[in-house]
Amino acid sequence: MIAVILAGGKGSRLRPYTLSLPKPLMPVGDHPILEIVLGQLKRAGISRVIIAVGHLESLIRAYFGDGRAFGVDIVYSSEKTQLGTAGPLRLIESELDETFVLMNGDVLSDIDFASLIEFHRRTGRAATVALTKRTVDIDFGVVKVGSDNQFKEWQEKPTFEYLVSTGIYVFEPKVLRFIPDGFYNAPDLIVALDNGNGNVGVYVHPGYWLDIGRLEDYQAACRAAENGELAFV
C-alpha cells in the first residue's frame, strides 16, 4: 500500500514560521506534523510513502531520510514549479499501480486510515474523499427574502453545519489519466471523475481534524497537544 503526501507548499498562511521551516516540519507537541502522519500510516499497514517536496525540501529530506527510522520506506518527488494538489501525481504515475492514499502534509487527525481504505475498497469506486463535519456560527440575524421583497424567515444567530474535505483521498490508478500536465488540484480531479457516474464515494470522519496550515488551527493543535488532549500524537 502506497501513500502520497503533499509537502511542497510554501505555507504562506503560517508565515513568518514557514520562512525558515517547511510546514510539514512544524511541531505539534514533541513531533513534526509529518512525523505524526507517518506513524498513523504505518499503523494502518502502509509501508511505502512518496513525499512530494518543493519549498525547503532539503530540510524534509534531511529529517526523514529514507524512512527507516520511522518504520516506512520513503522516496521523494521534487517539484520544480508548483503543481497543485493533484498535478504531482503525474510525476510519479509509474509508481502508482495499486490503490493509494493521497493527502496533504499538514493534516492533523485521528482518522482511521485502515477503515478508510477498507471502506473505499468495499465500494469499488475510483475515488473516495474523506470528509468531516464543521459548524459555522453566524453572529447576526439571518433573513430570507422572497423574490417580491417580501419577508420570509428570520433566524437569529443560527449555526450551520457543513461537510468539508479533510484533504485525504483514496484513489485507484485509473484516475491518473484524468490529470493533465502542469498545475491541477484534487477538487478539480474529483469533479472530473464524478461527472454524474458515481465514480466518487465519500467517507465521513466523525472525529478530530485540523488543517494546521491555518495559524489559528495550528495554535489550537499546539494547545491541545500541550494539554494532553491528542492521544494519537
Protein backbone atom coordinates (compact mmCIF):
# COMPACT_ATOMS: atom_id res chain seq x y z
CA MET A 1 0.00 0.00 0.00
CA ILE A 2 1.34 3.41 -1.00
CA ALA A 3 0.62 6.87 0.38
CA VAL A 4 1.48 10.11 -1.39
CA ILE A 5 1.96 13.08 0.94
CA LEU A 6 1.90 16.61 -0.43
CA ALA A 7 4.66 18.55 1.30
CA GLY A 8 5.80 21.04 -1.32
CA GLY A 9 3.77 24.13 -0.43
CA LYS A 10 5.25 27.37 0.86
CA GLY A 11 2.94 27.56 3.87
CA SER A 12 2.24 31.24 3.30
CA ARG A 13 -0.61 31.27 5.85
CA LEU A 14 1.88 30.30 8.58
CA ARG A 15 4.44 32.99 7.91
CA PRO A 16 6.81 34.01 9.40
CA TYR A 17 7.31 30.46 10.80
CA THR A 18 7.49 28.87 7.37
CA LEU A 19 10.10 31.27 6.02
CA SER A 20 12.78 29.05 7.58
CA LEU A 21 10.86 25.83 8.29
CA PRO A 22 8.69 23.87 5.84
CA LYS A 23 5.12 23.44 7.05
CA PRO A 24 5.35 19.61 7.42
CA LEU A 25 8.14 20.11 9.97
CA MET A 26 6.08 22.43 12.17
CA PRO A 27 5.95 20.77 15.60
CA VAL A 28 2.77 19.66 17.33
CA GLY A 29 3.72 18.56 20.80
CA ASP A 30 7.09 16.82 20.60
CA HIS A 31 6.98 15.87 16.91
CA PRO A 32 6.64 17.48 13.48
CA ILE A 33 3.20 17.07 11.97
CA LEU A 34 4.59 14.92 9.16
CA GLU A 35 6.19 12.51 11.64
CA ILE A 36 2.80 12.09 13.33
CA VAL A 37 1.20 11.35 9.96
CA LEU A 38 3.87 8.78 9.07
CA GLY A 39 3.21 6.94 12.33
CA GLN A 40 -0.50 6.80 11.59
CA LEU A 41 0.07 5.49 8.07
CA LYS A 42 2.47 2.84 9.34
CA ARG A 43 -0.08 1.62 11.89
CA ALA A 44 -2.62 1.34 9.06
CA GLY A 45 -0.32 -1.04 7.19
CA ILE A 46 1.10 1.45 4.69
CA SER A 47 4.78 0.69 4.22
CA ARG A 48 5.77 2.90 1.28
CA VAL A 49 5.42 6.68 1.25
CA ILE A 50 6.14 9.11 -1.56
CA ILE A 51 6.63 12.67 -0.34
CA ALA A 52 6.09 15.39 -2.94
CA VAL A 53 8.50 18.15 -1.92
CA GLY A 54 9.38 21.64 -3.09
CA HIS A 55 9.75 24.54 -0.65
CA LEU A 56 12.75 23.95 1.67
CA GLU A 57 12.77 20.31 0.59
CA SER A 58 16.34 19.75 1.79
CA LEU A 59 15.17 20.08 5.41
CA ILE A 60 12.43 17.48 4.91
CA ARG A 61 14.87 15.09 3.22
CA ALA A 62 17.43 15.59 5.98
CA TYR A 63 14.93 14.93 8.77
CA PHE A 64 13.15 11.87 7.34
CA GLY A 65 15.85 10.35 5.13
CA ASP A 66 14.81 7.04 3.62
CA GLY A 67 12.21 6.48 6.33
CA ARG A 68 13.85 3.52 8.03
CA ALA A 69 13.99 5.37 11.35
CA PHE A 70 10.21 5.77 11.13
CA GLY A 71 9.37 2.24 10.00
CA VAL A 72 8.41 3.11 6.41
CA ASP A 73 10.13 3.30 3.03
CA ILE A 74 10.26 6.93 1.89
CA VAL A 75 11.07 8.24 -1.58
CA TYR A 76 10.81 11.84 -2.73
CA SER A 77 9.36 13.55 -5.78
CA SER A 78 10.68 17.06 -6.31
CA GLU A 79 8.53 19.78 -7.88
CA LYS A 80 10.43 22.42 -9.85
CA THR A 81 7.26 24.51 -10.15
CA GLN A 82 4.09 24.38 -8.10
CA LEU A 83 1.75 21.67 -9.41
CA GLY A 84 -1.25 21.96 -7.09
CA THR A 85 -2.67 19.08 -5.09
CA ALA A 86 -3.17 16.59 -7.95
CA GLY A 87 -0.57 17.63 -10.53
CA PRO A 88 2.30 16.00 -8.57
CA LEU A 89 0.75 12.59 -9.26
CA ARG A 90 1.74 12.86 -12.93
CA LEU A 91 5.42 12.88 -11.92
CA ILE A 92 5.10 9.54 -10.12
CA GLU A 93 2.37 7.74 -12.07
CA SER A 94 4.69 4.80 -12.83
CA GLU A 95 4.86 4.17 -9.05
CA LEU A 96 1.09 4.17 -8.60
CA ASP A 97 -0.05 0.82 -9.92
CA GLU A 98 -2.33 -0.05 -6.99
CA THR A 99 -4.78 1.61 -4.62
CA PHE A 100 -3.11 4.60 -2.98
CA VAL A 101 -3.75 7.33 -0.45
CA LEU A 102 -3.23 10.99 -1.33
CA MET A 103 -3.16 13.52 1.48
CA ASN A 104 -1.98 16.95 2.46
CA GLY A 105 1.08 17.03 4.68
CA ASP A 106 -0.49 19.44 7.17
CA VAL A 107 -3.47 17.34 8.28
CA LEU A 108 -3.76 16.55 11.99
CA SER A 109 -6.50 13.98 12.57
CA ASP A 110 -7.33 10.80 14.42
CA ILE A 111 -8.85 9.33 11.26
CA ASP A 112 -8.56 5.55 10.99
CA PHE A 113 -6.72 5.11 7.68
CA ALA A 114 -7.27 1.36 7.67
CA SER A 115 -11.04 1.82 7.96
CA LEU A 116 -10.99 4.48 5.25
CA ILE A 117 -9.10 2.20 2.85
CA GLU A 118 -11.35 -0.78 3.63
CA PHE A 119 -14.43 1.37 3.01
CA HIS A 120 -13.01 2.54 -0.33
CA ARG A 121 -12.26 -1.00 -1.49
CA ARG A 122 -15.68 -2.22 -0.45
CA THR A 123 -17.46 0.42 -2.52
CA GLY A 124 -15.44 -0.36 -5.65
CA ARG A 125 -15.30 3.29 -6.71
CA ALA A 126 -12.39 5.05 -8.41
CA ALA A 127 -12.04 7.60 -5.63
CA THR A 128 -13.09 8.23 -2.05
CA VAL A 129 -12.98 11.65 -0.39
CA ALA A 130 -12.67 11.77 3.39
CA LEU A 131 -14.97 14.42 4.85
CA THR A 132 -15.61 15.80 8.30
CA LYS A 133 -18.34 17.97 9.82
CA ARG A 134 -17.81 21.65 10.55
CA THR A 135 -20.18 24.14 12.14
CA VAL A 136 -20.23 27.87 11.47
CA ASP A 137 -21.81 30.27 13.97
CA ILE A 138 -23.37 33.39 12.46
CA ASP A 139 -23.36 36.37 14.83
CA PHE A 140 -26.21 38.15 13.08
CA GLY A 141 -29.87 37.67 12.35
CA VAL A 142 -30.16 35.89 9.00
CA VAL A 143 -33.19 36.98 7.00
CA LYS A 144 -34.65 35.20 3.97
CA VAL A 145 -36.47 37.37 1.46
CA GLY A 146 -38.79 36.37 -1.37
CA SER A 147 -38.44 37.47 -4.98
CA ASP A 148 -41.01 40.21 -4.37
CA ASN A 149 -39.01 41.65 -1.44
CA GLN A 150 -41.43 40.06 1.00
CA PHE A 151 -40.12 38.86 4.34
CA LYS A 152 -39.95 35.05 4.51
CA GLU A 153 -37.99 33.92 7.54
CA TRP A 154 -35.80 35.17 10.38
CA GLN A 155 -33.06 33.05 12.02
CA GLU A 156 -31.38 34.76 14.92
CA LYS A 157 -27.65 33.93 15.15
CA PRO A 158 -28.02 30.47 13.56
CA THR A 159 -25.44 27.70 13.41
CA PHE A 160 -24.93 25.99 10.08
CA GLU A 161 -23.35 22.56 9.63
CA TYR A 162 -21.31 21.56 6.60
CA LEU A 163 -19.33 18.59 5.35
CA VAL A 164 -15.81 19.72 4.40
CA SER A 165 -12.89 17.97 2.76
CA THR A 166 -10.16 16.72 5.09
CA GLY A 167 -7.53 16.80 2.33
CA ILE A 168 -7.36 12.99 2.44
CA TYR A 169 -8.29 10.80 -0.55
CA VAL A 170 -8.06 7.18 -1.65
CA PHE A 171 -7.63 6.60 -5.39
CA GLU A 172 -7.37 3.80 -7.89
CA PRO A 173 -4.60 4.06 -10.54
CA LYS A 174 -7.12 4.66 -13.32
CA VAL A 175 -7.74 8.19 -12.04
CA LEU A 176 -4.29 9.24 -13.30
CA ARG A 177 -5.48 9.51 -16.88
CA PHE A 178 -7.80 12.36 -15.84
CA ILE A 179 -4.89 14.52 -14.66
CA PRO A 180 -3.41 16.93 -17.23
CA ASP A 181 0.19 18.08 -17.25
CA GLY A 182 1.02 21.08 -15.11
CA PHE A 183 -0.86 22.66 -12.25
CA TYR A 184 -4.01 20.75 -11.24
CA ASN A 185 -5.90 20.47 -7.96
CA ALA A 186 -7.55 17.47 -6.31
CA PRO A 187 -11.03 19.08 -6.14
CA ASP A 188 -10.92 19.52 -9.93
CA LEU A 189 -9.95 15.87 -10.27
CA ILE A 190 -12.86 14.78 -8.08
CA VAL A 191 -15.33 16.79 -10.18
CA ALA A 192 -13.85 15.38 -13.40
CA LEU A 193 -14.05 11.83 -12.04
CA ASP A 194 -17.62 12.15 -10.87
CA ASN A 195 -19.34 13.62 -13.91
CA GLY A 196 -22.56 12.08 -12.61
CA ASN A 197 -21.43 8.46 -12.99
CA GLY A 198 -20.91 7.54 -9.33
CA ASN A 199 -17.14 7.08 -9.52
CA VAL A 200 -16.57 9.07 -6.33
CA GLY A 201 -17.57 8.00 -2.82
CA VAL A 202 -17.38 9.87 0.46
CA TYR A 203 -16.24 8.71 3.90
CA VAL A 204 -17.37 10.88 6.80
CA HIS A 205 -14.86 11.02 9.65
CA PRO A 206 -16.61 11.80 12.95
CA GLY A 207 -13.50 12.52 15.00
CA TYR A 208 -10.73 15.06 15.35
CA TRP A 209 -9.42 17.00 12.36
CA LEU A 210 -7.48 20.22 11.88
CA ASP A 211 -5.77 21.83 8.92
CA ILE A 212 -2.68 23.21 10.64
CA GLY A 213 -1.91 25.30 7.57
CA ARG A 214 -4.13 27.93 9.19
CA LEU A 215 -2.44 29.83 12.02
CA GLU A 216 -5.42 29.66 14.38
CA ASP A 217 -5.76 25.90 13.84
CA TYR A 218 -2.04 25.35 14.32
CA GLN A 219 -2.14 27.23 17.60
CA ALA A 220 -5.21 25.24 18.68
CA ALA A 221 -3.43 21.97 17.87
CA CYS A 222 -0.38 23.00 19.90
CA ARG A 223 -2.56 23.90 22.90
CA ALA A 224 -4.42 20.59 22.66
CA ALA A 225 -1.15 18.64 22.49
CA GLU A 226 0.27 20.54 25.45
CA ASN A 227 -2.86 19.76 27.48
CA GLY A 228 -2.67 16.05 26.64
CA GLU A 229 -5.88 16.14 24.61
CA LEU A 230 -4.43 14.44 21.50
CA ALA A 231 -3.94 10.80 22.43
CA PHE A 232 -2.84 9.92 18.89
CA VAL A 233 0.08 12.40 18.84
